[in-house]
Amino acid sequence: MYQQHVFVCTNQRSDGRKCCADGGAVELRDYAKQRLKELGQHGRGKVRVNASGCLDYCGRGPVLVIYPAGVWYSYETQADIDEIIDTHLLGGEIVERLRLPSATG
């Protein structure tokens, strides 16, 4: 069981349409996992970061969603990931500047 679960879309499309992988999602997912490990916050009873297939928000990507809160974020840089980790995952506050409306497709 985990306190929080982060699903990071790493979908790569082959038809030329925008996708999260084009925005560096794989590398930024790896960065988030490593940073949480360094902080002692990754793993059972803490936070789990997973790669996800398409979350149907590719036009706003890269994107991730954090459960159980159900908060969706768009991000671009390691600094954005740091802010999500520090403010949301560790601090319990939503990062409004990166927040997306609830995804419905």
PDB file of N, CA and C in Angstrom:
ATOM      1  N   MET A   1       0.841  -1.179   0.000  1.00  0.00           N
ATOM      2  CA  MET A   1       0.000   0.000   0.000  1.00  0.00           C
ATOM      3  C   MET A   1       0.887   1.244   0.000  1.00  0.00           C
ATOM      4  N   TYR A   2       0.438   2.247  -0.696  1.00  0.00           N
ATOM      5  CA  TYR A   2       1.169   3.507  -0.806  1.00  0.00           C
ATOM      6  C   TYR A   2       0.276   4.646  -0.335  1.00  0.00           C
ATOM      7  N   GLN A   3       0.875   5.667   0.244  1.00  0.00           N
ATOM      8  CA  GLN A   3       0.104   6.841   0.637  1.00  0.00           C
ATOM      9  C   GLN A   3      -0.353   7.612  -0.593  1.00  0.00           C
ATOM     10  N   GLN A   4       0.544   7.704  -1.587  1.00  0.00           N
ATOM     11  CA  GLN A   4       0.233   8.419  -2.823  1.00  0.00           C
ATOM     12  C   GLN A   4       0.817   7.647  -3.999  1.00  0.00           C
ATOM     13  N   HIS A   5       0.115   7.694  -5.105  1.00  0.00           N
ATOM     14  CA  HIS A   5       0.538   6.988  -6.307  1.00  0.00           C
ATOM     15  C   HIS A   5       0.547   7.986  -7.457  1.00  0.00           C
ATOM     16  N   VAL A   6       1.681   8.119  -8.110  1.00  0.00           N
ATOM     17  CA  VAL A   6       1.847   9.060  -9.213  1.00  0.00           C
ATOM     18  C   VAL A   6       1.922   8.268 -10.514  1.00  0.00           C
ATOM     19  N   PHE A   7       0.992   8.531 -11.412  1.00  0.00           N
ATOM     20  CA  PHE A   7       0.998   7.907 -12.726  1.00  0.00           C
ATOM     21  C   PHE A   7       1.476   8.952 -13.735  1.00  0.00           C
ATOM     22  N   VAL A   8       2.592   8.665 -14.377  1.00  0.00           N
ATOM     23  CA  VAL A   8       3.209   9.576 -15.339  1.00  0.00           C
ATOM     24  C   VAL A   8       3.011   9.000 -16.733  1.00  0.00           C
ATOM     25  N   CYS A   9       2.272   9.713 -17.566  1.00  0.00           N
ATOM     26  CA  CYS A   9       2.084   9.257 -18.936  1.00  0.00           C
ATOM     27  C   CYS A   9       3.426   9.309 -19.661  1.00  0.00           C
ATOM     28  N   THR A  10       3.811   8.160 -20.216  1.00  0.00           N
ATOM     29  CA  THR A  10       5.035   8.081 -21.021  1.00  0.00           C
ATOM     30  C   THR A  10       4.714   7.585 -22.428  1.00  0.00           C
ATOM     31  N   ASN A  11       3.470   7.779 -22.834  1.00  0.00           N
ATOM     32  CA  ASN A  11       3.007   7.295 -24.126  1.00  0.00           C
ATOM     33  C   ASN A  11       3.788   7.912 -25.285  1.00  0.00           C
ATOM     34  N   GLN A  12       4.157   7.055 -26.234  1.00  0.00           N
ATOM     35  CA  GLN A  12       4.825   7.501 -27.463  1.00  0.00           C
ATOM     36  C   GLN A  12       3.928   7.149 -28.634  1.00  0.00           C
ATOM     37  N   ARG A  13       3.492   8.162 -29.368  1.00  0.00           N
ATOM     38  CA  ARG A  13       2.659   7.932 -30.548  1.00  0.00           C
ATOM     39  C   ARG A  13       3.536   7.837 -31.781  1.00  0.00           C
ATOM     40  N   SER A  14       3.136   6.981 -32.695  1.00  0.00           N
ATOM     41  CA  SER A  14       3.914   6.796 -33.922  1.00  0.00           C
ATOM     42  C   SER A  14       3.316   7.523 -35.113  1.00  0.00           C
ATOM     43  N   ASP A  15       2.177   8.208 -34.910  1.00  0.00           N
ATOM     44  CA  ASP A  15       1.498   8.836 -36.035  1.00  0.00           C
ATOM     45  C   ASP A  15       1.759  10.335 -36.155  1.00  0.00           C
ATOM     46  N   GLY A  16       2.699  10.847 -35.356  1.00  0.00           N
ATOM     47  CA  GLY A  16       3.054  12.256 -35.441  1.00  0.00           C
ATOM     48  C   GLY A  16       2.264  13.186 -34.549  1.00  0.00           C
ATOM     49  N   ARG A  17       1.180  12.691 -33.926  1.00  0.00           N
ATOM     50  CA  ARG A  17       0.426  13.538 -33.004  1.00  0.00           C
ATOM     51  C   ARG A  17       1.223  13.757 -31.729  1.00  0.00           C
ATOM     52  N   LYS A  18       0.972  14.885 -31.076  1.00  0.00           N
ATOM     53  CA  LYS A  18       1.670  15.220 -29.838  1.00  0.00           C
ATOM     54  C   LYS A  18       1.447  14.125 -28.795  1.00  0.00           C
ATOM     55  N   CYS A  19       2.507  13.824 -28.061  1.00  0.00           N
ATOM     56  CA  CYS A  19       2.400  12.835 -26.992  1.00  0.00           C
ATOM     57  C   CYS A  19       3.336  13.216 -25.854  1.00  0.00           C
ATOM     58  N   CYS A  20       3.090  12.639 -24.705  1.00  0.00           N
ATOM     59  CA  CYS A  20       3.859  12.989 -23.509  1.00  0.00           C
ATOM     60  C   CYS A  20       5.337  12.629 -23.635  1.00  0.00           C
ATOM     61  N   ALA A  21       5.638  11.520 -24.293  1.00  0.00           N
ATOM     62  CA  ALA A  21       7.039  11.123 -24.448  1.00  0.00           C
ATOM     63  C   ALA A  21       7.834  12.186 -25.204  1.00  0.00           C
ATOM     64  N   ASP A  22       7.187  12.882 -26.129  1.00  0.00           N
ATOM     65  CA  ASP A  22       7.871  13.943 -26.876  1.00  0.00           C
ATOM     66  C   ASP A  22       8.301  15.095 -25.976  1.00  0.00           C
ATOM     67  N   GLY A  23       7.646  15.237 -24.824  1.00  0.00           N
ATOM     68  CA  GLY A  23       7.964  16.308 -23.885  1.00  0.00           C
ATOM     69  C   GLY A  23       8.934  15.894 -22.797  1.00  0.00           C
ATOM     70  N   GLY A  24       9.599  14.754 -22.965  1.00  0.00           N
ATOM     71  CA  GLY A  24      10.585  14.313 -21.977  1.00  0.00           C
ATOM     72  C   GLY A  24      10.002  13.587 -20.789  1.00  0.00           C
ATOM     73  N   ALA A  25       8.803  13.017 -20.945  1.00  0.00           N
ATOM     74  CA  ALA A  25       8.118  12.382 -19.820  1.00  0.00           C
ATOM     75  C   ALA A  25       8.902  11.223 -19.208  1.00  0.00           C
ATOM     76  N   VAL A  26       9.558  10.422 -20.030  1.00  0.00           N
ATOM     77  CA  VAL A  26      10.298   9.268 -19.500  1.00  0.00           C
ATOM     78  C   VAL A  26      11.435   9.739 -18.595  1.00  0.00           C
ATOM     79  N   GLU A  27      12.198  10.705 -19.077  1.00  0.00           N
ATOM     80  CA  GLU A  27      13.321  11.222 -18.296  1.00  0.00           C
ATOM     81  C   GLU A  27      12.847  11.926 -17.019  1.00  0.00           C
ATOM     82  N   LEU A  28      11.759  12.671 -17.126  1.00  0.00           N
ATOM     83  CA  LEU A  28      11.242  13.376 -15.957  1.00  0.00           C
ATOM     84  C   LEU A  28      10.602  12.415 -14.956  1.00  0.00           C
ATOM     85  N   ARG A  29      10.014  11.329 -15.427  1.00  0.00           N
ATOM     86  CA  ARG A  29       9.530  10.285 -14.514  1.00  0.00           C
ATOM     87  C   ARG A  29      10.698   9.676 -13.746  1.00  0.00           C
ATOM     88  N   ASP A  30      11.768   9.361 -14.462  1.00  0.00           N
ATOM     89  CA  ASP A  30      12.957   8.800 -13.814  1.00  0.00           C
ATOM     90  C   ASP A  30      13.541   9.779 -12.797  1.00  0.00           C
ATOM     91  N   TYR A  31      13.547  11.047 -13.147  1.00  0.00           N
ATOM     92  CA  TYR A  31      14.030  12.080 -12.237  1.00  0.00           C
ATOM     93  C   TYR A  31      13.183  12.120 -10.962  1.00  0.00           C
ATOM     94  N   ALA A  32      11.855  12.075 -11.117  1.00  0.00           N
ATOM     95  CA  ALA A  32      10.957  12.116  -9.955  1.00  0.00           C
ATOM     96  C   ALA A  32      11.209  10.923  -9.041  1.00  0.00           C
ATOM     97  N   LYS A  33      11.343   9.729  -9.621  1.00  0.00           N
ATOM     98  CA  LYS A  33      11.605   8.538  -8.815  1.00  0.00           C
ATOM     99  C   LYS A  33      12.911   8.676  -8.049  1.00  0.00           C
ATOM    100  N   GLN A  34      13.948   9.128  -8.732  1.00  0.00           N
ATOM    101  CA  GLN A  34      15.255   9.268  -8.090  1.00  0.00           C
ATOM    102  C   GLN A  34      15.217  10.305  -6.971  1.00  0.00           C
ATOM    103  N   ARG A  35      14.580  11.414  -7.221  1.00  0.00           N
ATOM    104  CA  ARG A  35      14.501  12.470  -6.193  1.00  0.00           C
ATOM    105  C   ARG A  35      13.736  11.982  -4.974  1.00  0.00           C
ATOM    106  N   LEU A  36      12.633  11.277  -5.178  1.00  0.00           N
ATOM    107  CA  LEU A  36      11.872  10.745  -4.049  1.00  0.00           C
ATOM    108  C   LEU A  36      12.688   9.702  -3.277  1.00  0.00           C
ATOM    109  N   LYS A  37      13.467   8.899  -3.987  1.00  0.00           N
ATOM    110  CA  LYS A  37      14.348   7.940  -3.308  1.00  0.00           C
ATOM    111  C   LYS A  37      15.376   8.673  -2.449  1.00  0.00           C
ATOM    112  N   GLU A  38      15.974   9.722  -3.014  1.00  0.00           N
ATOM    113  CA  GLU A  38      16.963  10.507  -2.262  1.00  0.00           C
ATOM    114  C   GLU A  38      16.354  11.128  -1.014  1.00  0.00           C
ATOM    115  N   LEU A  39      15.076  11.486  -1.085  1.00  0.00           N
ATOM    116  CA  LEU A  39      14.376  12.080   0.051  1.00  0.00           C
ATOM    117  C   LEU A  39      13.829  11.028   1.023  1.00  0.00           C
ATOM    118  N   GLY A  40      14.008   9.752   0.689  1.00  0.00           N
ATOM    119  CA  GLY A  40      13.479   8.681   1.523  1.00  0.00           C
ATOM    120  C   GLY A  40      11.974   8.571   1.479  1.00  0.00           C
ATOM    121  N   GLN A  41      11.379   9.008   0.354  1.00  0.00           N
ATOM    122  CA  GLN A  41       9.915   9.057   0.239  1.00  0.00           C
ATOM    123  C   GLN A  41       9.352   8.136  -0.831  1.00  0.00           C
ATOM    124  N   HIS A  42      10.176   7.262  -1.397  1.00  0.00           N
ATOM    125  CA  HIS A  42       9.711   6.377  -2.461  1.00  0.00           C
ATOM    126  C   HIS A  42       9.624   4.959  -1.920  1.00  0.00           C
ATOM    127  N   GLY A  43       8.511   4.309  -2.178  1.00  0.00           N
ATOM    128  CA  GLY A  43       8.379   2.906  -1.790  1.00  0.00           C
ATOM    129  C   GLY A  43       7.159   2.661  -0.924  1.00  0.00           C
ATOM    130  N   ARG A  44       7.029   1.425  -0.470  1.00  0.00           N
ATOM    131  CA  ARG A  44       5.869   1.005   0.332  1.00  0.00           C
ATOM    132  C   ARG A  44       5.615   1.942   1.494  1.00  0.00           C
ATOM    133  N   GLY A  45       4.341   2.295   1.653  1.00  0.00           N
ATOM    134  CA  GLY A  45       3.933   3.181   2.729  1.00  0.00           C
ATOM    135  C   GLY A  45       4.213   4.644   2.452  1.00  0.00           C
ATOM    136  N   LYS A  46       4.800   4.910   1.287  1.00  0.00           N
ATOM    137  CA  LYS A  46       5.151   6.291   0.935  1.00  0.00           C
ATOM    138  C   LYS A  46       4.568   6.613  -0.435  1.00  0.00           C
ATOM    139  N   VAL A  47       5.420   6.989  -1.370  1.00  0.00           N
ATOM    140  CA  VAL A  47       4.974   7.378  -2.713  1.00  0.00           C
ATOM    141  C   VAL A  47       5.484   6.362  -3.731  1.00  0.00           C
ATOM    142  N   ARG A  48       4.648   6.014  -4.667  1.00  0.00           N
ATOM    143  CA  ARG A  48       5.059   5.177  -5.801  1.00  0.00           C
ATOM    144  C   ARG A  48       4.881   5.995  -7.068  1.00  0.00           C
ATOM    145  N   VAL A  49       5.890   5.950  -7.924  1.00  0.00           N
ATOM    146  CA  VAL A  49       5.851   6.615  -9.227  1.00  0.00           C
ATOM    147  C   VAL A  49       5.858   5.531 -10.297  1.00  0.00           C
ATOM    148  N   ASN A  50       4.851   5.551 -11.162  1.00  0.00           N
ATOM    149  CA  ASN A  50       4.709   4.557 -12.215  1.00  0.00           C
ATOM    150  C   ASN A  50       4.617   5.216 -13.577  1.00  0.00           C
ATOM    151  N   ALA A  51       5.128   4.515 -14.578  1.00  0.00           N
ATOM    152  CA  ALA A  51       4.872   4.909 -15.960  1.00  0.00           C
ATOM    153  C   ALA A  51       3.447   4.489 -16.285  1.00  0.00           C
ATOM    154  N   SER A  52       2.799   5.287 -17.095  1.00  0.00           N
ATOM    155  CA  SER A  52       1.432   5.001 -17.514  1.00  0.00           C
ATOM    156  C   SER A  52       1.360   5.079 -19.029  1.00  0.00           C
ATOM    157  N   GLY A  53       0.431   4.358 -19.572  1.00  0.00           N
ATOM    158  CA  GLY A  53       0.099   4.529 -20.975  1.00  0.00           C
ATOM    159  C   GLY A  53      -0.657   5.835 -21.136  1.00  0.00           C
ATOM    160  N   CYS A  54      -1.241   6.022 -22.270  1.00  0.00           N
ATOM    161  CA  CYS A  54      -1.929   7.266 -22.580  1.00  0.00           C
ATOM    162  C   CYS A  54      -3.026   7.577 -21.570  1.00  0.00           C
ATOM    163  N   LEU A  55      -3.018   8.810 -21.082  1.00  0.00           N
ATOM    164  CA  LEU A  55      -4.037   9.290 -20.155  1.00  0.00           C
ATOM    165  C   LEU A  55      -5.045  10.206 -20.852  1.00  0.00           C
ATOM    166  N   ASP A  56      -5.004  10.260 -22.179  1.00  0.00           N
ATOM    167  CA  ASP A  56      -5.939  11.047 -22.997  1.00  0.00           C
ATOM    168  C   ASP A  56      -5.879  12.548 -22.733  1.00  0.00           C
ATOM    169  N   TYR A  57      -4.709  13.040 -22.425  1.00  0.00           N
ATOM    170  CA  TYR A  57      -4.509  14.472 -22.214  1.00  0.00           C
ATOM    171  C   TYR A  57      -3.249  14.925 -22.963  1.00  0.00           C
ATOM    172  N   CYS A  58      -2.953  14.237 -24.050  1.00  0.00           N
ATOM    173  CA  CYS A  58      -1.692  14.436 -24.762  1.00  0.00           C
ATOM    174  C   CYS A  58      -1.467  15.872 -25.224  1.00  0.00           C
ATOM    175  N   GLY A  59      -2.528  16.554 -25.589  1.00  0.00           N
ATOM    176  CA  GLY A  59      -2.400  17.928 -26.044  1.00  0.00           C
ATOM    177  C   GLY A  59      -1.933  18.880 -24.965  1.00  0.00           C
ATOM    178  N   ARG A  60      -2.004  18.470 -23.718  1.00  0.00           N
ATOM    179  CA  ARG A  60      -1.599  19.303 -22.585  1.00  0.00           C
ATOM    180  C   ARG A  60      -0.315  18.790 -21.943  1.00  0.00           C
ATOM    181  N   GLY A  61       0.268  17.756 -22.542  1.00  0.00           N
ATOM    182  CA  GLY A  61       1.356  17.019 -21.913  1.00  0.00           C
ATOM    183  C   GLY A  61       2.708  17.668 -21.985  1.00  0.00           C
ATOM    184  N   PRO A  62       3.623  17.038 -21.267  1.00  0.00           N
ATOM    185  CA  PRO A  62       3.411  15.809 -20.541  1.00  0.00           C
ATOM    186  C   PRO A  62       2.539  16.023 -19.310  1.00  0.00           C
ATOM    187  N   VAL A  63       1.857  14.933 -18.935  1.00  0.00           N
ATOM    188  CA  VAL A  63       0.940  15.011 -17.804  1.00  0.00           C
ATOM    189  C   VAL A  63       1.193  13.870 -16.828  1.00  0.00           C
ATOM    190  N   LEU A  64       0.743  14.112 -15.600  1.00  0.00           N
ATOM    191  CA  LEU A  64       0.736  13.074 -14.576  1.00  0.00           C
ATOM    192  C   LEU A  64      -0.489  13.281 -13.710  1.00  0.00           C
ATOM    193  N   VAL A  65      -0.866  12.235 -12.998  1.00  0.00           N
ATOM    194  CA  VAL A  65      -1.991  12.318 -12.062  1.00  0.00           C
ATOM    195  C   VAL A  65      -1.556  11.679 -10.755  1.00  0.00           C
ATOM    196  N   ILE A  66      -1.975  12.291  -9.655  1.00  0.00           N
ATOM    197  CA  ILE A  66      -1.632  11.800  -8.323  1.00  0.00           C
ATOM    198  C   ILE A  66      -2.897  11.312  -7.642  1.00  0.00           C
ATOM    199  N   TYR A  67      -2.850  10.061  -7.190  1.00  0.00           N
ATOM    200  CA  TYR A  67      -3.952   9.480  -6.428  1.00  0.00           C
ATOM    201  C   TYR A  67      -3.473   9.210  -5.012  1.00  0.00           C
ATOM    202  N   PRO A  68      -4.337   9.298  -4.006  1.00  0.00           N
ATOM    203  CA  PRO A  68      -5.787   9.276  -4.119  1.00  0.00           C
ATOM    204  C   PRO A  68      -6.419  10.644  -4.359  1.00  0.00           C
ATOM    205  N   ALA A  69      -5.642  11.709  -4.393  1.00  0.00           N
ATOM    206  CA  ALA A  69      -6.214  13.051  -4.540  1.00  0.00           C
ATOM    207  C   ALA A  69      -6.908  13.254  -5.886  1.00  0.00           C
ATOM    208  N   GLY A  70      -6.466  12.545  -6.922  1.00  0.00           N
ATOM    209  CA  GLY A  70      -7.050  12.722  -8.246  1.00  0.00           C
ATOM    210  C   GLY A  70      -6.694  14.060  -8.872  1.00  0.00           C
ATOM    211  N   VAL A  71      -5.503  14.561  -8.564  1.00  0.00           N
ATOM    212  CA  VAL A  71      -5.055  15.857  -9.091  1.00  0.00           C
ATOM    213  C   VAL A  71      -4.159  15.614 -10.304  1.00  0.00           C
ATOM    214  N   TRP A  72      -4.473  16.322 -11.389  1.00  0.00           N
ATOM    215  CA  TRP A  72      -3.756  16.208 -12.655  1.00  0.00           C
ATOM    216  C   TRP A  72      -2.834  17.405 -12.822  1.00  0.00           C
ATOM    217  N   TYR A  73      -1.621  17.129 -13.326  1.00  0.00           N
ATOM    218  CA  TYR A  73      -0.652  18.193 -13.569  1.00  0.00           C
ATOM    219  C   TYR A  73      -0.059  18.076 -14.965  1.00  0.00           C
ATOM    220  N   SER A  74       0.260  19.232 -15.526  1.00  0.00           N
ATOM    221  CA  SER A  74       1.096  19.336 -16.713  1.00  0.00           C
ATOM    222  C   SER A  74       2.409  19.936 -16.244  1.00  0.00           C
ATOM    223  N   TYR A  75       3.510  19.472 -16.797  1.00  0.00           N
ATOM    224  CA  TYR A  75       4.830  19.927 -16.356  1.00  0.00           C
ATOM    225  C   TYR A  75       5.771  19.935 -17.551  1.00  0.00           C
ATOM    226  N   GLU A  76       6.890  20.626 -17.413  1.00  0.00           N
ATOM    227  CA  GLU A  76       7.854  20.687 -18.515  1.00  0.00           C
ATOM    228  C   GLU A  76       9.292  20.453 -18.081  1.00  0.00           C
ATOM    229  N   THR A  77       9.607  20.753 -16.830  1.00  0.00           N
ATOM    230  CA  THR A  77      11.010  20.770 -16.400  1.00  0.00           C
ATOM    231  C   THR A  77      11.207  20.031 -15.081  1.00  0.00           C
ATOM    232  N   GLN A  78      12.474  19.804 -14.741  1.00  0.00           N
ATOM    233  CA  GLN A  78      12.800  19.234 -13.437  1.00  0.00           C
ATOM    234  C   GLN A  78      12.328  20.156 -12.322  1.00  0.00           C
ATOM    235  N   ALA A  79      12.389  21.461 -12.541  1.00  0.00           N
ATOM    236  CA  ALA A  79      11.906  22.408 -11.531  1.00  0.00           C
ATOM    237  C   ALA A  79      10.408  22.218 -11.284  1.00  0.00           C
ATOM    238  N   ASP A  80       9.635  21.935 -12.333  1.00  0.00           N
ATOM    239  CA  ASP A  80       8.209  21.659 -12.164  1.00  0.00           C
ATOM    240  C   ASP A  80       8.013  20.386 -11.337  1.00  0.00           C
ATOM    241  N   ILE A  81       8.780  19.347 -11.641  1.00  0.00           N
ATOM    242  CA  ILE A  81       8.696  18.098 -10.887  1.00  0.00           C
ATOM    243  C   ILE A  81       9.067  18.347  -9.431  1.00  0.00           C
ATOM    244  N   ASP A  82      10.129  19.126  -9.193  1.00  0.00           N
ATOM    245  CA  ASP A  82      10.528  19.454  -7.819  1.00  0.00           C
ATOM    246  C   ASP A  82       9.389  20.148  -7.075  1.00  0.00           C
ATOM    247  N   GLU A  83       8.714  21.068  -7.751  1.00  0.00           N
ATOM    248  CA  GLU A  83       7.618  21.797  -7.121  1.00  0.00           C
ATOM    249  C   GLU A  83       6.448  20.860  -6.797  1.00  0.00           C
ATOM    250  N   ILE A  84       6.141  19.936  -7.698  1.00  0.00           N
ATOM    251  CA  ILE A  84       5.079  18.967  -7.443  1.00  0.00           C
ATOM    252  C   ILE A  84       5.453  18.077  -6.262  1.00  0.00           C
ATOM    253  N   ILE A  85       6.696  17.624  -6.227  1.00  0.00           N
ATOM    254  CA  ILE A  85       7.149  16.786  -5.108  1.00  0.00           C
ATOM    255  C   ILE A  85       7.092  17.563  -3.799  1.00  0.00           C
ATOM    256  N   ASP A  86       7.736  18.726  -3.778  1.00  0.00           N
ATOM    257  CA  ASP A  86       7.848  19.493  -2.531  1.00  0.00           C
ATOM    258  C   ASP A  86       6.505  20.006  -2.041  1.00  0.00           C
ATOM    259  N   THR A  87       5.718  20.558  -2.950  1.00  0.00           N
ATOM    260  CA  THR A  87       4.473  21.210  -2.555  1.00  0.00           C
ATOM    261  C   THR A  87       3.328  20.226  -2.387  1.00  0.00           C
ATOM    262  N   HIS A  88       3.139  19.342  -3.358  1.00  0.00           N
ATOM    263  CA  HIS A  88       1.986  18.433  -3.307  1.00  0.00           C
ATOM    264  C   HIS A  88       2.302  17.153  -2.536  1.00  0.00           C
ATOM    265  N   LEU A  89       3.287  16.385  -3.012  1.00  0.00           N
ATOM    266  CA  LEU A  89       3.530  15.081  -2.414  1.00  0.00           C
ATOM    267  C   LEU A  89       4.010  15.173  -0.969  1.00  0.00           C
ATOM    268  N   LEU A  90       4.875  16.132  -0.682  1.00  0.00           N
ATOM    269  CA  LEU A  90       5.409  16.261   0.675  1.00  0.00           C
ATOM    270  C   LEU A  90       4.647  17.281   1.512  1.00  0.00           C
ATOM    271  N   GLY A  91       4.159  18.331   0.873  1.00  0.00           N
ATOM    272  CA  GLY A  91       3.515  19.410   1.616  1.00  0.00           C
ATOM    273  C   GLY A  91       2.002  19.353   1.674  1.00  0.00           C
ATOM    274  N   GLY A  92       1.388  18.522   0.819  1.00  0.00           N
ATOM    275  CA  GLY A  92      -0.056  18.382   0.855  1.00  0.00           C
ATOM    276  C   GLY A  92      -0.849  19.512   0.223  1.00  0.00           C
ATOM    277  N   GLU A  93      -0.172  20.391  -0.518  1.00  0.00           N
ATOM    278  CA  GLU A  93      -0.845  21.518  -1.174  1.00  0.00           C
ATOM    279  C   GLU A  93      -0.801  21.338  -2.689  1.00  0.00           C
ATOM    280  N   ILE A  94      -1.832  21.777  -3.368  1.00  0.00           N
ATOM    281  CA  ILE A  94      -1.896  21.676  -4.824  1.00  0.00           C
ATOM    282  C   ILE A  94      -1.061  22.786  -5.447  1.00  0.00           C
ATOM    283  N   VAL A  95      -0.333  22.439  -6.501  1.00  0.00           N
ATOM    284  CA  VAL A  95       0.438  23.412  -7.266  1.00  0.00           C
ATOM    285  C   VAL A  95      -0.496  23.962  -8.348  1.00  0.00           C
ATOM    286  N   GLU A  96      -1.158  25.050  -8.035  1.00  0.00           N
ATOM    287  CA  GLU A  96      -2.210  25.574  -8.917  1.00  0.00           C
ATOM    288  C   GLU A  96      -1.685  25.948 -10.308  1.00  0.00           C
ATOM    289  N   ARG A  97      -0.476  26.485 -10.397  1.00  0.00           N
ATOM    290  CA  ARG A  97       0.022  26.931 -11.700  1.00  0.00           C
ATOM    291  C   ARG A  97       0.246  25.765 -12.677  1.00  0.00           C
ATOM    292  N   LEU A  98       0.379  24.539 -12.178  1.00  0.00           N
ATOM    293  CA  LEU A  98       0.592  23.380 -13.023  1.00  0.00           C
ATOM    294  C   LEU A  98      -0.633  22.473 -13.114  1.00  0.00           C
ATOM    295  N   ARG A  99      -1.635  22.764 -12.319  1.00  0.00           N
ATOM    296  CA  ARG A  99      -2.813  21.907 -12.228  1.00  0.00           C
ATOM    297  C   ARG A  99      -3.647  21.976 -13.505  1.00  0.00           C
ATOM    298  N   LEU A 100      -4.147  20.824 -13.898  1.00  0.00           N
ATOM    299  CA  LEU A 100      -5.095  20.715 -15.007  1.00  0.00           C
ATOM    300  C   LEU A 100      -6.474  20.445 -14.435  1.00  0.00           C
ATOM    301  N   PRO A 101      -7.519  20.871 -15.156  1.00  0.00           N
ATOM    302  CA  PRO A 101      -8.859  20.481 -14.714  1.00  0.00           C
ATOM    303  C   PRO A 101      -8.958  18.957 -14.758  1.00  0.00           C
ATOM    304  N   SER A 102      -9.835  18.386 -13.999  1.00  0.00           N
ATOM    305  CA  SER A 102     -10.003  16.928 -14.000  1.00  0.00           C
ATOM    306  C   SER A 102     -10.125  16.433 -15.428  1.00  0.00           C
ATOM    307  N   ALA A 103      -9.353  15.417 -15.716  1.00  0.00           N
ATOM    308  CA  ALA A 103      -9.330  14.888 -17.090  1.00  0.00           C
ATOM    309  C   ALA A 103     -10.592  14.098 -17.380  1.00  0.00           C
ATOM    310  N   THR A 104     -11.183  14.402 -18.481  1.00  0.00           N
ATOM    311  CA  THR A 104     -12.356  13.652 -18.934  1.00  0.00           C
ATOM    312  C   THR A 104     -12.177  13.227 -20.380  1.00  0.00           C
ATOM    313  N   GLY A 105     -10.974  13.378 -20.880  1.00  0.00           N
ATOM    314  CA  GLY A 105     -10.710  12.970 -22.253  1.00  0.00           C
ATOM    315  C   GLY A 105     -10.207  14.080 -23.086  1.00  0.00           C
TER     316      GLY A 105
END
